[in-house]
N, C-alpha and C. Protein backbone atom coordinates (compact mmCIF):
# COMPACT_ATOMS: atom_id res chain seq x y z
N MET A 1 111.52 77.34 91.39
CA MET A 1 110.05 76.75 90.95
C MET A 1 108.70 77.70 90.71
N ASP A 2 108.11 77.02 89.56
CA ASP A 2 107.02 77.99 89.27
C ASP A 2 105.91 78.01 90.58
N ARG A 3 105.15 79.06 90.77
CA ARG A 3 104.48 78.84 91.60
C ARG A 3 102.55 78.61 90.98
N LEU A 4 101.84 77.37 91.87
CA LEU A 4 101.15 76.69 91.34
C LEU A 4 99.64 76.69 92.44
N VAL A 5 98.68 76.32 91.57
CA VAL A 5 97.84 76.23 92.54
C VAL A 5 96.99 74.92 92.17
N PHE A 6 96.77 74.38 93.30
CA PHE A 6 96.06 73.31 93.11
C PHE A 6 94.50 73.08 93.17
N MET A 7 93.64 72.13 91.97
CA MET A 7 92.49 72.21 92.75
C MET A 7 91.89 71.11 92.36
N GLY A 8 91.46 69.97 93.36
CA GLY A 8 91.10 68.62 93.21
C GLY A 8 90.42 68.34 94.36
N THR A 9 89.74 67.15 94.05
CA THR A 9 88.98 66.48 95.43
C THR A 9 89.29 65.28 95.97
N PRO A 10 88.23 64.19 94.53
CA PRO A 10 88.84 63.02 95.43
C PRO A 10 89.65 62.35 95.52
N ARG A 11 89.97 60.72 94.97
CA ARG A 11 91.08 60.12 95.28
C ARG A 11 92.38 60.48 93.79
N PHE A 12 91.47 60.45 92.90
CA PHE A 12 92.26 61.04 91.63
C PHE A 12 93.30 62.34 91.49
N GLY A 13 91.88 63.19 92.00
CA GLY A 13 92.86 64.36 92.63
C GLY A 13 94.31 64.16 93.50
N GLN A 14 93.97 63.73 94.63
CA GLN A 14 95.09 63.04 95.78
C GLN A 14 96.54 62.74 95.15
N ILE A 15 96.11 61.53 94.01
CA ILE A 15 97.31 61.50 93.32
C ILE A 15 98.12 62.24 92.86
N ILE A 16 97.51 62.92 91.77
CA ILE A 16 97.70 63.97 90.98
C ILE A 16 98.51 64.76 92.24
N LEU A 17 97.84 65.29 93.28
CA LEU A 17 98.68 66.38 94.25
C LEU A 17 99.80 65.77 94.73
N ASP A 18 99.74 64.64 94.67
CA ASP A 18 101.20 64.41 95.32
C ASP A 18 102.42 64.08 94.80
N ALA A 19 101.59 64.05 93.29
CA ALA A 19 103.06 64.22 92.02
C ALA A 19 103.61 65.40 92.22
N LEU A 20 102.99 66.23 92.59
CA LEU A 20 103.33 67.82 92.62
C LEU A 20 104.08 68.55 93.51
N ILE A 21 104.03 67.72 94.72
CA ILE A 21 104.39 67.99 96.02
C ILE A 21 105.97 67.76 96.21
N GLY A 22 106.59 69.10 96.49
CA GLY A 22 108.11 68.71 96.22
C GLY A 22 108.86 68.77 94.89
N GLN A 23 107.85 68.87 93.95
CA GLN A 23 108.50 69.58 92.30
C GLN A 23 108.18 70.81 92.07
N HIS A 24 107.08 71.75 92.49
CA HIS A 24 106.91 72.96 92.17
C HIS A 24 106.33 73.74 93.74
N GLU A 25 106.51 75.09 93.21
CA GLU A 25 106.05 75.33 94.68
C GLU A 25 104.46 75.93 94.47
N ILE A 26 104.06 75.00 95.50
CA ILE A 26 102.05 74.90 95.53
C ILE A 26 101.86 75.83 96.87
N VAL A 27 101.24 76.94 96.20
CA VAL A 27 100.92 78.35 97.16
C VAL A 27 99.65 78.30 97.38
N ALA A 28 98.49 77.29 96.73
CA ALA A 28 97.43 77.09 97.52
C ALA A 28 96.70 75.54 97.18
N VAL A 29 95.74 74.80 97.69
CA VAL A 29 95.07 73.97 97.33
C VAL A 29 93.43 74.17 97.27
N ALA A 30 93.01 73.91 96.47
CA ALA A 30 91.42 74.19 96.60
C ALA A 30 90.78 73.40 96.39
N THR A 31 90.07 72.83 97.27
CA THR A 31 89.25 71.45 97.35
C THR A 31 87.43 72.18 97.67
N GLN A 32 86.72 70.84 97.88
CA GLN A 32 85.24 71.15 97.82
C GLN A 32 85.09 71.28 99.38
N PRO A 33 84.19 71.95 99.56
CA PRO A 33 84.09 72.22 100.94
C PRO A 33 83.23 70.65 101.84
N ASP A 34 84.23 70.68 103.10
CA ASP A 34 83.47 69.52 103.71
C ASP A 34 82.04 68.56 103.74
N ARG A 35 82.07 67.42 103.61
CA ARG A 35 80.66 67.32 103.51
C ARG A 35 80.26 66.02 104.83
N GLU A 36 78.95 65.96 105.08
CA GLU A 36 78.58 64.85 105.38
C GLU A 36 78.59 63.42 104.79
N ALA A 37 79.24 62.57 105.21
CA ALA A 37 79.28 61.55 104.81
C ALA A 37 78.99 60.22 106.16
N GLY A 38 78.67 58.96 104.98
CA GLY A 38 78.75 57.66 106.11
C GLY A 38 77.31 57.60 107.19
N ARG A 39 77.15 56.40 107.73
CA ARG A 39 75.72 56.40 108.14
C ARG A 39 75.23 57.49 109.59
N GLY A 40 76.48 58.15 110.10
CA GLY A 40 76.32 58.84 111.26
C GLY A 40 76.31 60.18 110.59
N ARG A 41 76.53 60.50 109.08
CA ARG A 41 76.35 61.90 108.74
C ARG A 41 77.24 63.44 109.65
N ARG A 42 78.80 62.18 109.53
CA ARG A 42 79.83 63.03 110.12
C ARG A 42 80.28 63.90 109.14
N MET A 43 80.89 65.17 109.39
CA MET A 43 81.58 65.65 108.16
C MET A 43 82.82 65.10 108.08
N ALA A 44 83.23 65.26 106.70
CA ALA A 44 84.67 64.53 106.16
C ALA A 44 85.26 65.14 105.30
N ILE A 45 86.20 65.34 105.18
CA ILE A 45 87.26 65.95 104.91
C ILE A 45 87.25 65.12 102.98
N SER A 46 87.74 65.79 101.97
CA SER A 46 88.46 65.20 101.22
C SER A 46 89.56 64.91 100.73
N PRO A 47 89.95 63.57 99.94
CA PRO A 47 91.11 63.27 100.28
C PRO A 47 92.10 64.34 100.06
N VAL A 48 92.07 65.02 98.77
CA VAL A 48 93.00 65.93 98.32
C VAL A 48 93.21 66.90 99.61
N LYS A 49 91.98 67.31 100.61
CA LYS A 49 92.68 67.96 101.32
C LYS A 49 93.05 67.55 102.60
N ALA A 50 92.87 66.23 102.92
CA ALA A 50 93.85 65.34 103.58
C ALA A 50 95.29 65.63 104.01
N LEU A 51 95.62 65.14 102.28
CA LEU A 51 96.97 65.14 101.80
C LEU A 51 97.51 66.56 101.76
N ALA A 52 96.91 67.56 101.50
CA ALA A 52 97.33 68.96 101.89
C ALA A 52 97.57 69.30 103.10
N LEU A 53 96.87 69.20 104.26
CA LEU A 53 97.25 69.01 105.47
C LEU A 53 98.20 68.53 105.91
N ALA A 54 98.73 67.41 105.66
CA ALA A 54 99.49 66.48 106.10
C ALA A 54 100.74 67.37 105.70
N HIS A 55 100.94 67.89 104.55
CA HIS A 55 102.03 68.50 103.95
C HIS A 55 102.48 70.07 104.21
N ASN A 56 101.21 70.26 104.95
CA ASN A 56 101.13 71.91 105.71
C ASN A 56 100.70 73.08 104.65
N LEU A 57 100.11 72.28 103.68
CA LEU A 57 100.02 73.59 102.49
C LEU A 57 98.63 74.14 102.61
N PRO A 58 98.41 75.49 101.76
CA PRO A 58 97.63 76.24 102.51
C PRO A 58 96.01 75.75 101.52
N VAL A 59 95.11 75.61 102.62
CA VAL A 59 93.73 75.04 102.01
C VAL A 59 92.48 76.05 102.11
N PHE A 60 92.24 76.34 100.74
CA PHE A 60 90.82 76.90 100.64
C PHE A 60 89.62 76.07 100.32
N GLN A 61 88.65 76.23 100.15
CA GLN A 61 87.19 75.51 100.12
C GLN A 61 86.33 76.45 99.83
N PRO A 62 86.30 76.98 98.38
CA PRO A 62 85.05 77.67 98.43
C PRO A 62 83.68 77.32 97.71
N GLN A 63 82.93 77.72 97.98
CA GLN A 63 81.75 77.07 97.84
C GLN A 63 81.17 77.53 96.03
N LYS A 64 81.84 78.50 95.85
CA LYS A 64 81.32 79.19 94.22
C LYS A 64 82.76 79.63 93.57
N LEU A 65 83.24 78.97 92.48
CA LEU A 65 84.39 79.86 92.48
C LEU A 65 84.24 81.06 91.53
N ARG A 66 82.99 81.72 91.07
CA ARG A 66 82.58 82.95 91.12
C ARG A 66 82.33 83.81 91.55
N GLN A 67 82.70 83.77 92.92
CA GLN A 67 82.59 84.73 93.69
C GLN A 67 83.95 85.86 93.78
N THR A 68 83.38 86.96 93.94
CA THR A 68 84.65 87.87 93.85
C THR A 68 85.51 88.06 94.77
N GLU A 69 85.33 87.62 95.73
CA GLU A 69 86.86 87.50 96.51
C GLU A 69 87.34 85.95 96.48
N VAL A 70 87.03 85.26 95.96
CA VAL A 70 87.81 83.77 95.40
C VAL A 70 88.48 83.98 94.43
N VAL A 71 87.88 84.89 93.35
CA VAL A 71 88.95 85.72 92.27
C VAL A 71 89.94 86.81 92.91
N GLN A 72 89.09 87.26 93.73
CA GLN A 72 90.52 87.86 94.21
C GLN A 72 91.56 87.09 94.87
N GLN A 73 91.58 86.31 95.81
CA GLN A 73 92.21 85.59 96.49
C GLN A 73 93.38 84.87 95.41
N LEU A 74 92.84 84.07 94.54
CA LEU A 74 93.57 83.24 93.40
C LEU A 74 94.47 84.86 92.78
N ARG A 75 94.05 85.66 92.38
CA ARG A 75 95.05 86.44 91.35
C ARG A 75 95.71 87.20 92.54
N ASP A 76 95.50 87.25 94.41
CA ASP A 76 96.55 87.72 95.01
C ASP A 76 97.78 86.90 94.91
N LEU A 77 97.49 85.33 95.26
CA LEU A 77 98.27 84.20 94.60
C LEU A 77 99.12 84.02 94.02
N ALA A 78 98.61 84.61 92.56
CA ALA A 78 99.94 85.31 91.17
C ALA A 78 100.16 83.89 90.67
N PRO A 79 99.36 82.61 90.50
CA PRO A 79 100.15 81.40 90.37
C PRO A 79 100.56 81.42 88.80
N ALA A 80 101.57 80.90 88.42
CA ALA A 80 101.94 80.87 86.96
C ALA A 80 100.97 79.75 86.14
N VAL A 81 100.32 78.92 86.89
CA VAL A 81 99.78 77.66 86.09
C VAL A 81 98.55 77.62 87.34
N ILE A 82 97.51 76.88 86.91
CA ILE A 82 96.60 76.31 88.03
C ILE A 82 96.55 74.93 87.48
N VAL A 83 96.61 73.72 88.24
CA VAL A 83 96.48 72.71 87.74
C VAL A 83 95.14 71.62 88.41
N VAL A 84 94.42 71.02 87.65
CA VAL A 84 92.87 71.07 88.08
C VAL A 84 92.95 69.51 87.97
N ALA A 85 92.39 68.82 89.18
CA ALA A 85 92.04 67.05 88.66
C ALA A 85 91.03 67.10 89.52
N ALA A 86 89.88 66.45 88.72
CA ALA A 86 88.84 66.09 89.65
C ALA A 86 88.44 67.44 90.59
N PHE A 87 88.36 68.73 90.28
CA PHE A 87 87.96 69.20 91.34
C PHE A 87 86.15 69.31 91.59
N GLY A 88 85.74 69.34 90.85
CA GLY A 88 84.46 69.14 90.81
C GLY A 88 83.21 70.47 90.53
N GLN A 89 83.71 71.23 90.52
CA GLN A 89 83.22 72.93 90.29
C GLN A 89 84.07 73.55 88.24
N ILE A 90 83.36 73.74 88.16
CA ILE A 90 83.63 75.00 86.34
C ILE A 90 84.05 75.83 86.73
N LEU A 91 85.20 76.35 86.26
CA LEU A 91 86.58 77.09 86.00
C LEU A 91 85.43 78.34 85.68
N PRO A 92 85.36 79.75 86.05
CA PRO A 92 84.76 80.27 85.74
C PRO A 92 85.94 81.52 84.32
N PRO A 93 85.31 81.81 83.78
CA PRO A 93 86.53 82.95 82.81
C PRO A 93 87.26 83.64 83.73
N SER A 94 86.78 84.48 84.76
CA SER A 94 87.63 85.20 85.05
C SER A 94 89.02 84.39 86.11
N ILE A 95 88.84 83.14 86.30
CA ILE A 95 89.44 82.43 86.95
C ILE A 95 90.90 81.73 85.74
N LEU A 96 89.84 81.18 84.63
CA LEU A 96 90.62 80.77 83.62
C LEU A 96 91.44 81.62 83.15
N SER A 97 91.59 82.80 82.91
CA SER A 97 92.46 84.09 82.01
C SER A 97 93.60 84.14 83.36
N LEU A 98 93.20 83.94 84.32
CA LEU A 98 94.52 84.24 85.37
C LEU A 98 96.25 84.31 85.23
N PRO A 99 96.36 82.75 85.16
CA PRO A 99 97.52 82.35 85.30
C PRO A 99 98.36 82.62 84.01
N GLU A 100 99.88 82.81 84.04
CA GLU A 100 100.20 83.27 82.56
C GLU A 100 99.80 81.98 81.69
N HIS A 101 100.44 80.90 82.84
CA HIS A 101 100.22 79.71 81.46
C HIS A 101 99.09 79.00 81.66
N GLY A 102 97.88 79.46 81.89
CA GLY A 102 96.60 79.06 81.85
C GLY A 102 96.38 78.11 83.09
N CYS A 103 94.99 77.43 82.60
CA CYS A 103 94.51 76.76 83.76
C CYS A 103 94.51 75.24 82.95
N ILE A 104 95.51 73.85 84.04
CA ILE A 104 95.85 72.40 82.76
C ILE A 104 94.91 71.64 83.56
N ASN A 105 94.07 70.85 82.91
CA ASN A 105 93.07 70.19 83.86
C ASN A 105 93.89 68.37 83.52
N VAL A 106 93.61 67.64 84.75
CA VAL A 106 94.24 65.99 84.10
C VAL A 106 93.20 65.47 84.37
N HIS A 107 92.87 64.95 82.82
CA HIS A 107 91.26 64.44 82.95
C HIS A 107 91.24 62.66 82.78
N ALA A 108 90.45 62.13 83.30
CA ALA A 108 90.90 60.58 83.60
C ALA A 108 89.87 60.01 82.38
N SER A 109 90.08 60.56 81.26
CA SER A 109 89.94 59.28 79.83
C SER A 109 90.67 59.91 78.56
N LEU A 110 90.59 59.41 77.52
CA LEU A 110 90.96 59.99 76.59
C LEU A 110 90.13 60.69 75.35
N LEU A 111 90.26 62.19 75.89
CA LEU A 111 89.47 62.83 75.06
C LEU A 111 89.70 63.03 73.78
N PRO A 112 88.34 63.35 73.18
CA PRO A 112 87.09 63.75 73.19
C PRO A 112 86.09 62.76 73.71
N ARG A 113 86.56 61.31 74.30
CA ARG A 113 85.52 60.49 74.65
C ARG A 113 85.64 60.55 76.41
N HIS A 114 84.12 60.57 77.03
CA HIS A 114 83.63 60.46 78.10
C HIS A 114 84.55 61.83 78.76
N ARG A 115 84.28 63.24 77.98
CA ARG A 115 83.74 64.20 78.55
C ARG A 115 82.83 64.33 79.96
N GLY A 116 83.34 65.01 81.01
CA GLY A 116 82.54 65.20 82.12
C GLY A 116 83.21 65.05 83.50
N ALA A 117 81.88 64.84 84.32
CA ALA A 117 82.32 64.52 85.73
C ALA A 117 82.83 62.84 86.27
N ALA A 118 81.87 61.98 85.54
CA ALA A 118 82.51 60.91 85.76
C ALA A 118 83.31 59.98 84.64
N PRO A 119 84.05 60.27 84.08
CA PRO A 119 84.75 59.73 82.98
C PRO A 119 85.26 57.87 83.44
N ILE A 120 85.76 57.83 84.86
CA ILE A 120 86.06 56.45 84.97
C ILE A 120 84.82 54.86 84.77
N PRO A 121 83.99 55.30 85.97
CA PRO A 121 82.79 54.45 85.52
C PRO A 121 82.37 54.58 84.15
N ALA A 122 82.00 55.75 83.63
CA ALA A 122 81.80 55.97 81.99
C ALA A 122 82.51 54.77 81.13
N ALA A 123 83.91 54.52 81.49
CA ALA A 123 84.55 53.63 80.30
C ALA A 123 84.76 52.46 80.67
N ILE A 124 84.15 51.92 81.84
CA ILE A 124 84.18 50.67 82.47
C ILE A 124 82.12 50.32 82.17
N LEU A 125 81.36 51.17 82.27
CA LEU A 125 79.77 50.83 81.76
C LEU A 125 79.67 50.78 80.08
N ALA A 126 80.59 51.69 79.30
CA ALA A 126 80.67 51.61 78.20
C ALA A 126 81.14 50.28 77.69
N GLY A 127 82.27 49.72 78.61
CA GLY A 127 82.66 48.03 77.85
C GLY A 127 83.97 48.58 77.15
N ASP A 128 84.51 49.78 77.31
CA ASP A 128 85.82 50.11 76.83
C ASP A 128 87.05 48.99 77.30
N GLU A 129 87.91 48.99 76.26
CA GLU A 129 88.59 48.08 76.58
C GLU A 129 90.48 48.78 76.71
N GLN A 130 90.05 50.03 76.55
CA GLN A 130 90.99 51.12 76.40
C GLN A 130 90.37 51.93 77.27
N THR A 131 91.27 53.19 78.51
CA THR A 131 90.82 54.37 78.53
C THR A 131 92.17 55.25 78.40
N GLY A 132 92.12 56.32 79.42
CA GLY A 132 93.42 57.00 79.68
C GLY A 132 93.54 58.43 80.39
N VAL A 133 94.22 59.00 80.10
CA VAL A 133 94.50 60.12 80.86
C VAL A 133 94.64 61.26 79.62
N THR A 134 94.15 62.30 79.75
CA THR A 134 94.61 63.36 78.97
C THR A 134 94.74 64.50 79.90
N ILE A 135 95.86 65.47 79.81
CA ILE A 135 96.34 66.80 79.71
C ILE A 135 95.90 67.66 79.01
N MET A 136 95.08 68.15 79.48
CA MET A 136 94.52 69.78 78.67
C MET A 136 94.50 71.04 78.92
N LEU A 137 94.90 72.08 78.12
CA LEU A 137 94.54 73.38 78.26
C LEU A 137 92.75 73.65 78.28
N MET A 138 92.56 74.15 79.62
CA MET A 138 91.19 74.40 79.92
C MET A 138 90.43 75.72 79.01
N ASP A 139 89.27 75.12 78.52
CA ASP A 139 88.88 77.06 78.26
C ASP A 139 87.13 76.73 78.45
N GLU A 140 86.62 77.36 78.17
CA GLU A 140 85.15 77.83 78.74
C GLU A 140 84.40 76.82 78.58
N GLY A 141 84.68 75.40 77.84
CA GLY A 141 83.97 74.63 77.71
C GLY A 141 83.83 73.65 78.56
N LEU A 142 83.01 72.38 78.55
CA LEU A 142 83.18 71.20 79.51
C LEU A 142 84.31 70.39 78.73
N ASP A 143 85.40 70.23 79.39
CA ASP A 143 86.67 69.42 79.36
C ASP A 143 86.74 69.32 77.19
N THR A 144 86.72 70.38 76.85
CA THR A 144 86.99 70.55 75.08
C THR A 144 88.34 71.44 75.20
N GLY A 145 89.36 71.39 75.85
CA GLY A 145 90.21 72.61 75.24
C GLY A 145 91.39 71.70 74.70
N PRO A 146 92.41 72.23 74.17
CA PRO A 146 92.81 71.79 73.55
C PRO A 146 93.80 70.52 74.44
N ILE A 147 94.22 69.54 73.66
CA ILE A 147 95.20 68.63 74.11
C ILE A 147 96.64 68.92 74.65
N LEU A 148 97.41 68.69 75.45
CA LEU A 148 98.65 69.13 75.47
C LEU A 148 99.45 67.56 75.75
N SER A 149 98.77 66.53 75.97
CA SER A 149 99.16 64.54 76.12
C SER A 149 98.58 64.05 76.54
N GLN A 150 98.69 62.97 75.88
CA GLN A 150 97.70 61.68 77.00
C GLN A 150 98.56 60.46 76.70
N ALA A 151 98.15 59.60 77.58
CA ALA A 151 98.61 58.38 77.68
C ALA A 151 97.37 56.94 78.07
N THR A 152 97.54 55.74 77.35
CA THR A 152 96.76 54.79 77.12
C THR A 152 96.81 53.73 78.18
N VAL A 153 95.74 53.65 79.07
CA VAL A 153 95.58 52.30 80.10
C VAL A 153 94.34 51.29 79.48
N ASP A 154 95.07 50.25 79.79
CA ASP A 154 94.09 48.75 79.34
C ASP A 154 93.19 49.02 80.68
N ILE A 155 91.69 47.99 80.19
CA ILE A 155 90.77 48.02 81.10
C ILE A 155 90.58 46.85 81.49
N ALA A 156 91.05 46.24 82.29
CA ALA A 156 91.15 44.80 82.57
C ALA A 156 89.54 44.09 83.04
N SER A 157 88.97 42.96 82.88
CA SER A 157 87.67 42.27 83.02
C SER A 157 87.64 42.83 84.63
N GLU A 158 88.26 42.36 85.35
CA GLU A 158 88.12 42.89 87.07
C GLU A 158 88.02 43.97 87.42
N ASP A 159 88.25 44.97 86.57
CA ASP A 159 88.75 46.18 87.38
C ASP A 159 87.05 47.09 87.35
N THR A 160 87.56 47.59 88.70
CA THR A 160 86.43 48.28 89.38
C THR A 160 86.12 50.20 89.29
N THR A 161 85.66 50.50 89.50
CA THR A 161 86.46 52.36 89.36
C THR A 161 87.52 52.62 90.56
N ALA A 162 87.29 51.94 91.32
CA ALA A 162 88.37 51.84 92.40
C ALA A 162 89.67 51.70 91.68
N SER A 163 89.55 50.59 91.32
CA SER A 163 90.82 49.98 90.82
C SER A 163 91.40 50.54 89.51
N LEU A 164 90.30 51.25 88.97
CA LEU A 164 91.11 51.92 87.27
C LEU A 164 91.27 53.26 87.89
N THR A 165 90.79 53.52 88.87
CA THR A 165 91.28 54.68 89.62
C THR A 165 92.36 55.29 89.95
N GLU A 166 92.66 53.74 90.47
CA GLU A 166 94.58 54.05 90.91
C GLU A 166 94.84 53.61 89.99
N LYS A 167 94.92 52.87 88.78
CA LYS A 167 95.68 52.92 87.52
C LYS A 167 95.89 54.49 86.83
N LEU A 168 94.93 54.63 86.75
CA LEU A 168 95.01 56.08 86.09
C LEU A 168 95.49 57.02 86.58
N GLY A 169 95.45 57.20 87.66
CA GLY A 169 95.85 58.12 88.72
C GLY A 169 97.26 57.97 88.69
N GLN A 170 98.24 57.01 88.75
CA GLN A 170 99.83 56.81 88.63
C GLN A 170 99.94 56.93 87.37
N VAL A 171 99.13 56.56 86.21
CA VAL A 171 99.55 57.12 84.84
C VAL A 171 99.53 58.44 84.39
N GLY A 172 98.29 59.13 85.70
CA GLY A 172 98.17 60.52 85.22
C GLY A 172 99.62 61.49 86.11
N ARG A 173 99.86 60.86 87.11
CA ARG A 173 100.93 61.55 87.64
C ARG A 173 101.99 61.91 87.29
N GLN A 174 102.48 60.62 86.11
CA GLN A 174 103.91 60.71 85.56
C GLN A 174 103.24 61.54 84.25
N LEU A 175 102.46 61.31 83.62
CA LEU A 175 101.92 61.96 82.46
C LEU A 175 102.16 63.53 83.08
N LEU A 176 101.87 64.39 83.90
CA LEU A 176 101.49 65.43 84.31
C LEU A 176 102.99 65.63 84.69
N LEU A 177 104.00 65.02 85.33
CA LEU A 177 105.46 65.30 85.62
C LEU A 177 106.45 65.19 84.26
N ASP A 178 106.19 64.82 83.11
CA ASP A 178 106.39 64.86 82.26
C ASP A 178 105.74 66.09 81.09
N THR A 179 104.57 66.44 81.45
CA THR A 179 103.91 67.29 80.80
C THR A 179 104.38 69.12 81.21
N LEU A 180 103.95 68.60 82.34
CA LEU A 180 104.04 70.19 82.90
C LEU A 180 105.26 70.65 82.43
N PRO A 181 106.57 70.29 83.00
CA PRO A 181 107.93 71.52 82.50
C PRO A 181 108.00 72.03 81.06
N CYS A 182 107.58 71.04 80.24
CA CYS A 182 107.44 71.40 78.80
C CYS A 182 106.55 72.16 78.39
N TRP A 183 105.36 72.27 79.15
CA TRP A 183 104.22 73.17 78.77
C TRP A 183 105.04 74.95 79.35
N LEU A 184 105.35 74.63 80.62
CA LEU A 184 105.74 76.07 80.88
C LEU A 184 107.00 76.39 80.35
N ALA A 185 107.98 76.14 79.60
CA ALA A 185 109.02 76.18 79.01
C ALA A 185 108.32 76.21 77.64
N GLY A 186 107.28 76.51 77.30
CA GLY A 186 107.05 76.67 76.06
C GLY A 186 107.18 75.47 74.60
N GLU A 187 107.32 74.64 75.07
CA GLU A 187 108.02 73.76 74.26
C GLU A 187 106.29 72.31 73.39
N ILE A 188 105.40 72.83 74.17
CA ILE A 188 104.46 71.98 73.59
C ILE A 188 103.51 72.91 72.63
N ARG A 189 102.98 72.08 71.96
CA ARG A 189 101.92 73.00 70.82
C ARG A 189 100.23 72.12 71.26
N PRO A 190 99.40 73.05 71.39
CA PRO A 190 97.97 72.22 72.25
C PRO A 190 97.43 71.92 70.39
N ARG A 191 96.57 70.78 71.01
CA ARG A 191 96.28 70.01 69.67
C ARG A 191 94.88 69.99 70.16
N LYS A 192 94.05 70.61 68.98
CA LYS A 192 92.51 70.67 69.11
C LYS A 192 92.02 69.33 69.10
N GLN A 193 90.98 69.30 69.79
CA GLN A 193 89.90 67.80 69.74
C GLN A 193 88.99 68.25 68.72
N ASP A 194 88.58 66.78 68.52
CA ASP A 194 87.78 66.50 67.43
C ASP A 194 86.78 66.60 68.03
N ASP A 195 85.40 67.38 67.84
CA ASP A 195 84.24 67.39 68.51
C ASP A 195 83.66 66.39 68.12
N GLY A 196 83.34 65.87 66.77
CA GLY A 196 82.43 65.08 66.46
C GLY A 196 83.06 63.69 67.16
N GLN A 197 83.52 63.67 67.73
CA GLN A 197 84.00 62.00 68.05
C GLN A 197 84.11 62.28 70.10
N ALA A 198 83.15 63.54 70.14
CA ALA A 198 82.75 63.62 71.88
C ALA A 198 81.92 62.77 71.97
N THR A 199 82.23 62.06 73.41
CA THR A 199 80.84 61.25 74.27
C THR A 199 81.00 62.07 75.50
N TYR A 200 80.03 61.80 76.45
CA TYR A 200 79.73 62.58 77.71
C TYR A 200 79.18 61.68 78.99
N ALA A 201 80.03 61.89 79.80
CA ALA A 201 80.21 61.12 81.30
C ALA A 201 79.22 61.36 82.07
């Protein structure tokens, strides 16, 4: 099994992490720091952290990925690949260049449409009839890296952000399971995005 670090935070990331458990050697899970939530402002853990803890996976919650000790911690883990799904922080060049097979992002839109942090509500607000999931090789830009694979999902008139998150998560998990082994085996040639078609969420 290839050594893998996973980075994600909300429900979409949780679905993607669940697909990887048992399929790859997950040496660490990075997620956003615990936050106050609800009327009582109690500390709440992210869905990704809850799943990682349930499977006894090592969790770390960096305030900033650029911190020297965070970069060194990741270097010491020696992952072959880092998989990112709705993590919530930009990965600096020092981390992007770490794994042999790069950093792979599972993004909940058909890139280059709806780049950015909120692609699922953006697709609904735009009145799109279709959206999807893109698996891309990350670069220093905001969701600008070359595409490894894509899958399309129809948006129903009754879809909400929550229901569309579930749909896209299930499609994304299967797409990742199909794509990642081929990428690690060197069987995929990344396809450049058409920046002229880009929109931002």
